[in-house]
Amino acid sequence: MQTDIDPRSLIGRKAFDRNGHKIGTIDEVYLDDATGVPEWAAVRTGLFSRDAFVPLGPSDLVDDALHIPYDRSLIKDAPDFGVGRHLSPEQEVQLYHHYGIALPAPPPPDRDFGKLAGQDD
């Protein structure tokens, strides 16, 4: 998905599965803690249903709707963590596993790249 989209603009948009079946409406957008990039969306799956978390990375925004490249049944079976709360790293790992997505690489450790090799402090 485009990373330059204002995450607030996604709220209220319709969401569809890989086959074009409507899943629901986006309630919340969750940003990556390290990068601030939109990473997950909570989609309300029905009037009296729960929210299903969907990955934004492999999804596409087309004609004002979010198209998620997974079947509706997989999306509706996603772990339910409730909305309005921060996703813990453990919860994110569960979501990555649920969707079969490789975990993102951890950020590199801080290094002093201004030093020349062999240069002492």
C-alpha atoms as a PDB file:
ATOM      1  CA  MET A   1       0.000   0.000   0.000  1.00  0.00           C
ATOM      2  CA  GLN A   2       1.100   3.550  -0.499  1.00  0.00           C
ATOM      3  CA  THR A   3       2.895   4.806   2.598  1.00  0.00           C
ATOM      4  CA  ASP A   4       2.203   8.499   1.964  1.00  0.00           C
ATOM      5  CA  ILE A   5      -1.535   8.189   2.685  1.00  0.00           C
ATOM      6  CA  ASP A   6      -2.869   9.983   5.749  1.00  0.00           C
ATOM      7  CA  PRO A   7      -4.006   7.095   7.986  1.00  0.00           C
ATOM      8  CA  ARG A   8      -7.018   9.118   9.154  1.00  0.00           C
ATOM      9  CA  SER A   9      -8.275   9.174   5.564  1.00  0.00           C
ATOM     10  CA  LEU A  10      -8.652   5.371   5.656  1.00  0.00           C
ATOM     11  CA  ILE A  11     -11.171   5.418   8.500  1.00  0.00           C
ATOM     12  CA  GLY A  12     -14.688   4.901   7.202  1.00  0.00           C
ATOM     13  CA  ARG A  13     -13.619   3.383   3.889  1.00  0.00           C
ATOM     14  CA  LYS A  14     -15.013   0.050   2.740  1.00  0.00           C
ATOM     15  CA  ALA A  15     -12.779  -3.027   2.770  1.00  0.00           C
ATOM     16  CA  PHE A  16     -12.970  -5.959   0.327  1.00  0.00           C
ATOM     17  CA  ASP A  17     -11.306  -9.368   0.256  1.00  0.00           C
ATOM     18  CA  ARG A  18      -9.261 -10.851  -2.605  1.00  0.00           C
ATOM     19  CA  ASN A  19     -12.454 -11.973  -4.385  1.00  0.00           C
ATOM     20  CA  GLY A  20     -14.167  -8.586  -4.178  1.00  0.00           C
ATOM     21  CA  HIS A  21     -16.489  -9.576  -1.303  1.00  0.00           C
ATOM     22  CA  LYS A  22     -17.189  -6.736   1.109  1.00  0.00           C
ATOM     23  CA  ILE A  23     -15.683  -7.376   4.524  1.00  0.00           C
ATOM     24  CA  GLY A  24     -16.740  -4.201   6.302  1.00  0.00           C
ATOM     25  CA  THR A  25     -15.627  -0.681   7.120  1.00  0.00           C
ATOM     26  CA  ILE A  26     -12.280   0.499   8.521  1.00  0.00           C
ATOM     27  CA  ASP A  27     -12.633   1.615  12.157  1.00  0.00           C
ATOM     28  CA  GLU A  28      -9.033   2.176  13.221  1.00  0.00           C
ATOM     29  CA  VAL A  29      -5.551   2.388  11.708  1.00  0.00           C
ATOM     30  CA  TYR A  30      -2.477   1.262  13.651  1.00  0.00           C
ATOM     31  CA  LEU A  31       0.968   2.715  12.966  1.00  0.00           C
ATOM     32  CA  ASP A  32       4.308   0.947  13.272  1.00  0.00           C
ATOM     33  CA  ASP A  33       5.924   2.118  16.524  1.00  0.00           C
ATOM     34  CA  ALA A  34       9.382   2.532  14.969  1.00  0.00           C
ATOM     35  CA  THR A  35       8.508   4.088  11.600  1.00  0.00           C
ATOM     36  CA  GLY A  36       5.079   5.679  12.043  1.00  0.00           C
ATOM     37  CA  VAL A  37       3.937   3.979   8.820  1.00  0.00           C
ATOM     38  CA  PRO A  38       0.363   2.596   8.762  1.00  0.00           C
ATOM     39  CA  GLU A  39       0.731  -1.149   9.391  1.00  0.00           C
ATOM     40  CA  TRP A  40      -2.658  -2.610  10.429  1.00  0.00           C
ATOM     41  CA  ALA A  41      -6.308  -1.642  10.100  1.00  0.00           C
ATOM     42  CA  ALA A  42      -9.243  -2.797  12.206  1.00  0.00           C
ATOM     43  CA  VAL A  43     -12.202  -3.552   9.945  1.00  0.00           C
ATOM     44  CA  ARG A  44     -15.715  -3.720  11.446  1.00  0.00           C
ATOM     45  CA  THR A  45     -17.035  -6.937   9.931  1.00  0.00           C
ATOM     46  CA  GLY A  46     -20.742  -6.289  10.564  1.00  0.00           C
ATOM     47  CA  LEU A  47     -23.237  -4.262  12.560  1.00  0.00           C
ATOM     48  CA  PHE A  48     -23.014  -6.487  15.657  1.00  0.00           C
ATOM     49  CA  SER A  49     -19.700  -8.133  14.810  1.00  0.00           C
ATOM     50  CA  ARG A  50     -16.193  -7.543  15.972  1.00  0.00           C
ATOM     51  CA  ASP A  51     -13.261  -5.842  14.300  1.00  0.00           C
ATOM     52  CA  ALA A  52     -10.794  -7.923  12.305  1.00  0.00           C
ATOM     53  CA  PHE A  53      -7.198  -6.763  12.017  1.00  0.00           C
ATOM     54  CA  VAL A  54      -5.852  -6.710   8.453  1.00  0.00           C
ATOM     55  CA  PRO A  55      -2.329  -5.965   7.186  1.00  0.00           C
ATOM     56  CA  LEU A  56      -2.010  -2.754   5.205  1.00  0.00           C
ATOM     57  CA  GLY A  57       1.354  -3.548   3.578  1.00  0.00           C
ATOM     58  CA  PRO A  58       0.079  -6.056   1.009  1.00  0.00           C
ATOM     59  CA  SER A  59      -3.289  -4.278   0.614  1.00  0.00           C
ATOM     60  CA  ASP A  60      -4.195  -1.781  -2.098  1.00  0.00           C
ATOM     61  CA  LEU A  61      -6.285   1.359  -1.998  1.00  0.00           C
ATOM     62  CA  VAL A  62      -8.379   1.294  -5.189  1.00  0.00           C
ATOM     63  CA  ASP A  63     -11.361   3.509  -6.014  1.00  0.00           C
ATOM     64  CA  ASP A  64     -11.638   4.764  -2.421  1.00  0.00           C
ATOM     65  CA  ALA A  65     -11.760   1.214  -0.986  1.00  0.00           C
ATOM     66  CA  LEU A  66      -9.194  -1.034   0.655  1.00  0.00           C
ATOM     67  CA  HIS A  67      -8.604  -4.311  -1.191  1.00  0.00           C
ATOM     68  CA  ILE A  68      -7.032  -6.946   1.041  1.00  0.00           C
ATOM     69  CA  PRO A  69      -5.338  -9.910  -0.705  1.00  0.00           C
ATOM     70  CA  TYR A  70      -6.822 -12.574   1.594  1.00  0.00           C
ATOM     71  CA  ASP A  71     -10.078 -14.559   1.713  1.00  0.00           C
ATOM     72  CA  ARG A  72     -12.916 -13.199   3.834  1.00  0.00           C
ATOM     73  CA  SER A  73     -12.900 -16.310   6.044  1.00  0.00           C
ATOM     74  CA  LEU A  74      -9.205 -15.843   6.953  1.00  0.00           C
ATOM     75  CA  ILE A  75      -9.798 -12.169   7.707  1.00  0.00           C
ATOM     76  CA  LYS A  76     -12.819 -12.867   9.915  1.00  0.00           C
ATOM     77  CA  ASP A  77     -10.807 -15.530  11.802  1.00  0.00           C
ATOM     78  CA  ALA A  78      -7.994 -13.085  12.645  1.00  0.00           C
ATOM     79  CA  PRO A  79      -7.128 -12.790  16.351  1.00  0.00           C
ATOM     80  CA  ASP A  80      -9.402 -10.329  18.157  1.00  0.00           C
ATOM     81  CA  PHE A  81      -7.567  -7.857  20.381  1.00  0.00           C
ATOM     82  CA  GLY A  82     -10.274  -5.192  20.615  1.00  0.00           C
ATOM     83  CA  VAL A  83      -9.862  -1.734  19.169  1.00  0.00           C
ATOM     84  CA  GLY A  84      -8.703   1.530  20.632  1.00  0.00           C
ATOM     85  CA  ARG A  85      -5.688  -0.008  22.350  1.00  0.00           C
ATOM     86  CA  HIS A  86      -2.074  -0.282  21.370  1.00  0.00           C
ATOM     87  CA  LEU A  87      -1.065  -3.562  19.709  1.00  0.00           C
ATOM     88  CA  SER A  88       1.703  -5.231  21.680  1.00  0.00           C
ATOM     89  CA  PRO A  89       4.677  -6.777  19.856  1.00  0.00           C
ATOM     90  CA  GLU A  90       3.325 -10.231  20.800  1.00  0.00           C
ATOM     91  CA  GLN A  91      -0.077  -9.422  19.283  1.00  0.00           C
ATOM     92  CA  GLU A  92       1.578  -8.217  16.083  1.00  0.00           C
ATOM     93  CA  VAL A  93       3.543 -11.472  15.861  1.00  0.00           C
ATOM     94  CA  GLN A  94       0.254 -13.386  16.159  1.00  0.00           C
ATOM     95  CA  LEU A  95      -1.191 -11.333  13.292  1.00  0.00           C
ATOM     96  CA  TYR A  96       1.871 -11.854  11.083  1.00  0.00           C
ATOM     97  CA  HIS A  97       1.630 -15.612  11.689  1.00  0.00           C
ATOM     98  CA  HIS A  98      -2.125 -15.651  11.065  1.00  0.00           C
ATOM     99  CA  TYR A  99      -1.680 -14.055   7.639  1.00  0.00           C
ATOM    100  CA  GLY A 100       1.490 -15.994   6.799  1.00  0.00           C
ATOM    101  CA  ILE A 101       3.522 -12.809   6.472  1.00  0.00           C
ATOM    102  CA  ALA A 102       7.233 -12.812   7.260  1.00  0.00           C
ATOM    103  CA  LEU A 103       8.103 -10.758  10.303  1.00  0.00           C
ATOM    104  CA  PRO A 104       9.779  -7.465   9.425  1.00  0.00           C
ATOM    105  CA  ALA A 105      13.507  -7.301  10.021  1.00  0.00           C
ATOM    106  CA  PRO A 106      14.425  -5.570  13.282  1.00  0.00           C
ATOM    107  CA  PRO A 107      15.968  -2.127  12.887  1.00  0.00           C
ATOM    108  CA  PRO A 108      19.782  -2.148  12.819  1.00  0.00           C
ATOM    109  CA  PRO A 109      21.514  -1.265  16.083  1.00  0.00           C
ATOM    110  CA  ASP A 110      22.670   2.315  16.447  1.00  0.00           C
ATOM    111  CA  ARG A 111      26.126   2.727  15.022  1.00  0.00           C
ATOM    112  CA  ASP A 112      28.469   5.634  14.626  1.00  0.00           C
ATOM    113  CA  PHE A 113      28.774   5.634  10.845  1.00  0.00           C
ATOM    114  CA  GLY A 114      30.822   8.833  10.967  1.00  0.00           C
ATOM    115  CA  LYS A 115      33.856   6.927  12.268  1.00  0.00           C
ATOM    116  CA  LEU A 116      36.430   5.554   9.909  1.00  0.00           C
ATOM    117  CA  ALA A 117      37.351   1.888  10.234  1.00  0.00           C
ATOM    118  CA  GLY A 118      40.145   1.420  12.744  1.00  0.00           C
ATOM    119  CA  GLN A 119      39.622   4.845  14.288  1.00  0.00           C
ATOM    120  CA  ASP A 120      39.617   4.851  18.107  1.00  0.00           C
ATOM    121  CA  ASP A 121      37.606   7.181  20.375  1.00  0.00           C
END
